[in-house]
Amino acid sequence: MAIRLRVVDGLMIACCAAETDQEPGDVYLDDEQHYALAAKFSRDWRGRGFDVVYDDHDAANETQRRRVDREVHAQWAAEARARRLRRVQRWLDCRAAFRSTA
């Protein structure tokens, strides 16, 4: 999911790009950049029971939403599934190539 990093009342938040309009000062992260950060976060916190709730960020984020459109989310979900399938296929292709040379 593409996101926008935005400062709201002095608090940096991450907004869904599909649900918000671009504003001056936003930093846009595309799907691949967001995925890379999520993977890094997952790796850094794996096995540590990370379940912290950020109420202040959640509340600020809700003030920024401009649309919650099932169609937008359905399109994003279909695109995300296709990206995941392509990543898995690339991994399988690499694995098959490696095994054929071993």
N, C-alpha and C. Protein backbone atom coordinates (compact mmCIF):
# COMPACT_ATOMS: atom_id res chain seq x y z
N MET A 1 0.85 -1.17 0.00
CA MET A 1 0.00 0.00 0.00
C MET A 1 0.90 1.23 0.00
N ALA A 2 0.66 2.12 -0.91
CA ALA A 2 1.38 3.39 -0.93
C ALA A 2 0.93 4.24 0.25
N ILE A 3 1.87 4.96 0.84
CA ILE A 3 1.55 5.79 2.00
C ILE A 3 2.11 7.19 1.83
N ARG A 4 1.57 8.09 2.60
CA ARG A 4 2.09 9.45 2.70
C ARG A 4 2.53 9.68 4.14
N LEU A 5 3.75 10.14 4.33
CA LEU A 5 4.19 10.56 5.65
C LEU A 5 3.80 12.03 5.77
N ARG A 6 3.15 12.37 6.86
CA ARG A 6 2.59 13.71 7.02
C ARG A 6 2.70 14.13 8.47
N VAL A 7 2.94 15.42 8.70
CA VAL A 7 2.97 15.96 10.05
C VAL A 7 1.63 16.62 10.33
N VAL A 8 0.96 16.15 11.39
CA VAL A 8 -0.33 16.69 11.81
C VAL A 8 -0.18 17.15 13.26
N ASP A 9 -0.33 18.42 13.49
CA ASP A 9 -0.19 18.99 14.83
C ASP A 9 1.13 18.56 15.49
N GLY A 10 2.21 18.59 14.71
CA GLY A 10 3.52 18.25 15.23
C GLY A 10 3.83 16.77 15.32
N LEU A 11 2.92 15.92 14.90
CA LEU A 11 3.08 14.47 15.00
C LEU A 11 3.20 13.86 13.60
N MET A 12 4.31 13.16 13.34
CA MET A 12 4.49 12.49 12.04
C MET A 12 3.64 11.23 12.01
N ILE A 13 2.80 11.13 10.99
CA ILE A 13 1.95 9.94 10.84
C ILE A 13 2.12 9.38 9.43
N ALA A 14 1.68 8.15 9.25
CA ALA A 14 1.66 7.51 7.93
C ALA A 14 0.19 7.34 7.53
N CYS A 15 -0.17 7.92 6.40
CA CYS A 15 -1.55 7.86 5.90
C CYS A 15 -1.62 6.96 4.67
N CYS A 16 -2.73 6.31 4.50
CA CYS A 16 -2.99 5.56 3.28
C CYS A 16 -3.08 6.55 2.12
N ALA A 17 -2.27 6.36 1.08
CA ALA A 17 -2.28 7.29 -0.04
C ALA A 17 -3.60 7.26 -0.81
N ALA A 18 -4.27 6.11 -0.81
CA ALA A 18 -5.54 6.01 -1.52
C ALA A 18 -6.66 6.74 -0.80
N GLU A 19 -6.52 6.92 0.50
CA GLU A 19 -7.59 7.54 1.29
C GLU A 19 -7.35 9.01 1.56
N THR A 20 -6.20 9.54 1.13
CA THR A 20 -5.87 10.93 1.43
C THR A 20 -5.48 11.66 0.15
N ASP A 21 -5.63 12.96 0.19
CA ASP A 21 -5.17 13.80 -0.91
C ASP A 21 -3.78 14.32 -0.57
N GLN A 22 -2.98 14.54 -1.59
CA GLN A 22 -1.63 15.06 -1.39
C GLN A 22 -1.70 16.46 -0.81
N GLU A 23 -0.83 16.72 0.15
CA GLU A 23 -0.72 18.05 0.75
C GLU A 23 0.74 18.48 0.72
N PRO A 24 0.99 19.79 0.74
CA PRO A 24 2.38 20.26 0.75
C PRO A 24 3.13 19.66 1.96
N GLY A 25 4.35 19.22 1.72
CA GLY A 25 5.16 18.66 2.78
C GLY A 25 5.05 17.15 2.94
N ASP A 26 4.07 16.52 2.28
CA ASP A 26 3.94 15.06 2.34
C ASP A 26 5.17 14.40 1.73
N VAL A 27 5.53 13.27 2.29
CA VAL A 27 6.56 12.42 1.69
C VAL A 27 5.83 11.16 1.22
N TYR A 28 5.88 10.91 -0.09
CA TYR A 28 5.16 9.78 -0.68
C TYR A 28 6.08 8.57 -0.74
N LEU A 29 5.59 7.44 -0.23
CA LEU A 29 6.31 6.18 -0.35
C LEU A 29 5.45 5.23 -1.18
N ASP A 30 6.00 4.73 -2.26
CA ASP A 30 5.22 3.82 -3.10
C ASP A 30 5.14 2.44 -2.44
N ASP A 31 4.44 1.53 -3.08
CA ASP A 31 4.23 0.19 -2.51
C ASP A 31 5.54 -0.50 -2.18
N GLU A 32 6.51 -0.42 -3.10
CA GLU A 32 7.77 -1.12 -2.90
C GLU A 32 8.57 -0.53 -1.73
N GLN A 33 8.58 0.79 -1.61
CA GLN A 33 9.29 1.42 -0.50
C GLN A 33 8.63 1.07 0.83
N HIS A 34 7.30 1.11 0.87
CA HIS A 34 6.58 0.76 2.09
C HIS A 34 6.82 -0.70 2.45
N TYR A 35 6.80 -1.58 1.45
CA TYR A 35 7.05 -2.99 1.69
C TYR A 35 8.45 -3.20 2.28
N ALA A 36 9.44 -2.49 1.74
CA ALA A 36 10.81 -2.63 2.24
C ALA A 36 10.90 -2.21 3.72
N LEU A 37 10.23 -1.12 4.07
CA LEU A 37 10.22 -0.68 5.48
C LEU A 37 9.49 -1.68 6.37
N ALA A 38 8.38 -2.21 5.89
CA ALA A 38 7.62 -3.19 6.67
C ALA A 38 8.45 -4.46 6.88
N ALA A 39 9.16 -4.88 5.83
CA ALA A 39 10.00 -6.08 5.96
C ALA A 39 11.12 -5.84 6.96
N LYS A 40 11.73 -4.67 6.94
CA LYS A 40 12.79 -4.33 7.89
C LYS A 40 12.24 -4.30 9.31
N PHE A 41 11.10 -3.69 9.49
CA PHE A 41 10.46 -3.63 10.81
C PHE A 41 10.18 -5.05 11.31
N SER A 42 9.63 -5.88 10.44
CA SER A 42 9.31 -7.25 10.81
C SER A 42 10.57 -8.01 11.23
N ARG A 43 11.64 -7.83 10.46
CA ARG A 43 12.89 -8.50 10.78
C ARG A 43 13.46 -8.01 12.11
N ASP A 44 13.41 -6.71 12.33
CA ASP A 44 13.96 -6.14 13.57
C ASP A 44 13.20 -6.57 14.81
N TRP A 45 11.89 -6.74 14.68
CA TRP A 45 11.06 -7.02 15.85
C TRP A 45 10.55 -8.45 15.93
N ARG A 46 10.98 -9.30 15.03
CA ARG A 46 10.52 -10.69 14.99
C ARG A 46 10.76 -11.37 16.33
N GLY A 47 9.73 -12.04 16.83
CA GLY A 47 9.86 -12.81 18.06
C GLY A 47 9.86 -12.00 19.34
N ARG A 48 9.60 -10.72 19.25
CA ARG A 48 9.63 -9.87 20.46
C ARG A 48 8.24 -9.51 20.96
N GLY A 49 7.21 -10.09 20.36
CA GLY A 49 5.85 -9.83 20.82
C GLY A 49 5.45 -8.38 20.70
N PHE A 50 5.79 -7.76 19.60
CA PHE A 50 5.52 -6.34 19.41
C PHE A 50 4.04 -6.11 19.17
N ASP A 51 3.38 -5.51 20.13
CA ASP A 51 1.95 -5.23 19.98
C ASP A 51 1.59 -3.89 20.60
N VAL A 52 2.46 -2.91 20.39
CA VAL A 52 2.24 -1.58 20.94
C VAL A 52 1.12 -0.89 20.16
N VAL A 53 0.28 -0.16 20.85
CA VAL A 53 -0.80 0.60 20.22
C VAL A 53 -0.41 2.08 20.25
N TYR A 54 -0.57 2.74 19.13
CA TYR A 54 -0.25 4.16 19.00
C TYR A 54 -1.54 4.95 18.87
N ASP A 55 -2.23 5.17 19.98
CA ASP A 55 -3.52 5.84 19.94
C ASP A 55 -3.44 7.25 19.36
N ASP A 56 -2.39 8.00 19.71
CA ASP A 56 -2.28 9.37 19.20
C ASP A 56 -2.09 9.37 17.68
N HIS A 57 -1.30 8.44 17.15
CA HIS A 57 -1.12 8.34 15.71
C HIS A 57 -2.42 7.91 15.04
N ASP A 58 -3.11 6.95 15.62
CA ASP A 58 -4.37 6.47 15.04
C ASP A 58 -5.39 7.60 14.97
N ALA A 59 -5.49 8.37 16.04
CA ALA A 59 -6.46 9.46 16.08
C ALA A 59 -6.12 10.53 15.04
N ALA A 60 -4.84 10.88 14.93
CA ALA A 60 -4.42 11.88 13.94
C ALA A 60 -4.66 11.37 12.53
N ASN A 61 -4.41 10.09 12.32
CA ASN A 61 -4.60 9.50 11.00
C ASN A 61 -6.06 9.58 10.58
N GLU A 62 -6.96 9.31 11.49
CA GLU A 62 -8.39 9.36 11.17
C GLU A 62 -8.83 10.75 10.72
N THR A 63 -8.16 11.80 11.20
CA THR A 63 -8.54 13.16 10.79
C THR A 63 -8.13 13.45 9.36
N GLN A 64 -7.28 12.63 8.78
CA GLN A 64 -6.74 12.90 7.44
C GLN A 64 -7.45 12.14 6.33
N ARG A 65 -8.22 11.15 6.68
CA ARG A 65 -8.88 10.32 5.66
C ARG A 65 -9.90 11.14 4.88
N ARG A 66 -9.83 11.05 3.59
CA ARG A 66 -10.77 11.77 2.73
C ARG A 66 -11.77 10.82 2.09
N ARG A 67 -11.40 9.56 1.99
CA ARG A 67 -12.31 8.61 1.35
C ARG A 67 -12.02 7.20 1.85
N VAL A 68 -13.05 6.47 1.99
CA VAL A 68 -12.96 5.04 2.26
C VAL A 68 -13.84 4.40 1.20
N ASP A 69 -13.22 4.02 0.15
CA ASP A 69 -13.94 3.56 -1.02
C ASP A 69 -13.65 2.08 -1.25
N ARG A 70 -14.68 1.29 -1.21
CA ARG A 70 -14.49 -0.17 -1.41
C ARG A 70 -13.84 -0.45 -2.75
N GLU A 71 -14.19 0.33 -3.75
CA GLU A 71 -13.62 0.12 -5.07
C GLU A 71 -12.12 0.37 -5.05
N VAL A 72 -11.69 1.45 -4.39
CA VAL A 72 -10.26 1.77 -4.29
C VAL A 72 -9.54 0.65 -3.58
N HIS A 73 -10.10 0.18 -2.47
CA HIS A 73 -9.46 -0.89 -1.71
C HIS A 73 -9.46 -2.20 -2.48
N ALA A 74 -10.52 -2.48 -3.20
CA ALA A 74 -10.56 -3.71 -4.00
C ALA A 74 -9.50 -3.68 -5.08
N GLN A 75 -9.33 -2.53 -5.72
CA GLN A 75 -8.30 -2.39 -6.75
C GLN A 75 -6.92 -2.54 -6.13
N TRP A 76 -6.68 -1.87 -4.99
CA TRP A 76 -5.39 -1.99 -4.33
C TRP A 76 -5.12 -3.44 -3.93
N ALA A 77 -6.11 -4.13 -3.40
CA ALA A 77 -5.93 -5.51 -2.96
C ALA A 77 -5.58 -6.41 -4.14
N ALA A 78 -6.24 -6.21 -5.27
CA ALA A 78 -5.94 -7.01 -6.46
C ALA A 78 -4.51 -6.74 -6.94
N GLU A 79 -4.10 -5.48 -6.93
CA GLU A 79 -2.74 -5.14 -7.34
C GLU A 79 -1.72 -5.72 -6.36
N ALA A 80 -2.02 -5.67 -5.07
CA ALA A 80 -1.11 -6.21 -4.06
C ALA A 80 -0.97 -7.72 -4.22
N ARG A 81 -2.07 -8.41 -4.47
CA ARG A 81 -2.01 -9.86 -4.71
C ARG A 81 -1.14 -10.17 -5.92
N ALA A 82 -1.31 -9.41 -6.98
CA ALA A 82 -0.53 -9.64 -8.20
C ALA A 82 0.96 -9.40 -7.93
N ARG A 83 1.29 -8.37 -7.17
CA ARG A 83 2.69 -8.11 -6.82
C ARG A 83 3.27 -9.25 -6.00
N ARG A 84 2.50 -9.73 -5.02
CA ARG A 84 2.97 -10.85 -4.19
C ARG A 84 3.21 -12.09 -5.04
N LEU A 85 2.29 -12.37 -5.96
CA LEU A 85 2.45 -13.53 -6.83
C LEU A 85 3.70 -13.40 -7.71
N ARG A 86 3.95 -12.18 -8.21
CA ARG A 86 5.16 -11.98 -9.02
C ARG A 86 6.42 -12.19 -8.18
N ARG A 87 6.41 -11.70 -6.92
CA ARG A 87 7.58 -11.91 -6.04
C ARG A 87 7.79 -13.39 -5.77
N VAL A 88 6.72 -14.11 -5.50
CA VAL A 88 6.84 -15.55 -5.23
C VAL A 88 7.34 -16.26 -6.48
N GLN A 89 6.83 -15.89 -7.64
CA GLN A 89 7.26 -16.53 -8.88
C GLN A 89 8.74 -16.26 -9.13
N ARG A 90 9.20 -15.03 -8.89
CA ARG A 90 10.63 -14.73 -9.06
C ARG A 90 11.47 -15.57 -8.11
N TRP A 91 11.00 -15.72 -6.87
CA TRP A 91 11.72 -16.52 -5.88
C TRP A 91 11.79 -17.98 -6.33
N LEU A 92 10.65 -18.51 -6.80
CA LEU A 92 10.63 -19.89 -7.28
C LEU A 92 11.55 -20.08 -8.49
N ASP A 93 11.55 -19.11 -9.38
CA ASP A 93 12.43 -19.19 -10.55
C ASP A 93 13.90 -19.19 -10.13
N CYS A 94 14.24 -18.32 -9.17
CA CYS A 94 15.63 -18.27 -8.67
C CYS A 94 16.00 -19.58 -8.00
N ARG A 95 15.11 -20.10 -7.20
CA ARG A 95 15.38 -21.36 -6.50
C ARG A 95 15.58 -22.49 -7.50
N ALA A 96 14.73 -22.55 -8.52
CA ALA A 96 14.85 -23.59 -9.54
C ALA A 96 16.18 -23.45 -10.29
N ALA A 97 16.57 -22.22 -10.61
CA ALA A 97 17.84 -22.00 -11.31
C ALA A 97 19.01 -22.41 -10.44
N PHE A 98 18.94 -22.09 -9.15
CA PHE A 98 20.01 -22.45 -8.23
C PHE A 98 20.13 -23.97 -8.10
N ARG A 99 18.99 -24.64 -7.98
CA ARG A 99 18.99 -26.10 -7.83
C ARG A 99 19.51 -26.78 -9.09
N SER A 100 19.26 -26.18 -10.24
CA SER A 100 19.70 -26.82 -11.48
C SER A 100 21.22 -26.70 -11.66
N THR A 101 21.82 -25.72 -10.98
CA THR A 101 23.28 -25.57 -11.07
C THR A 101 24.01 -26.28 -9.96
N ALA A 102 23.29 -26.71 -8.93
CA ALA A 102 23.92 -27.36 -7.77
C ALA A 102 24.23 -28.81 -8.03
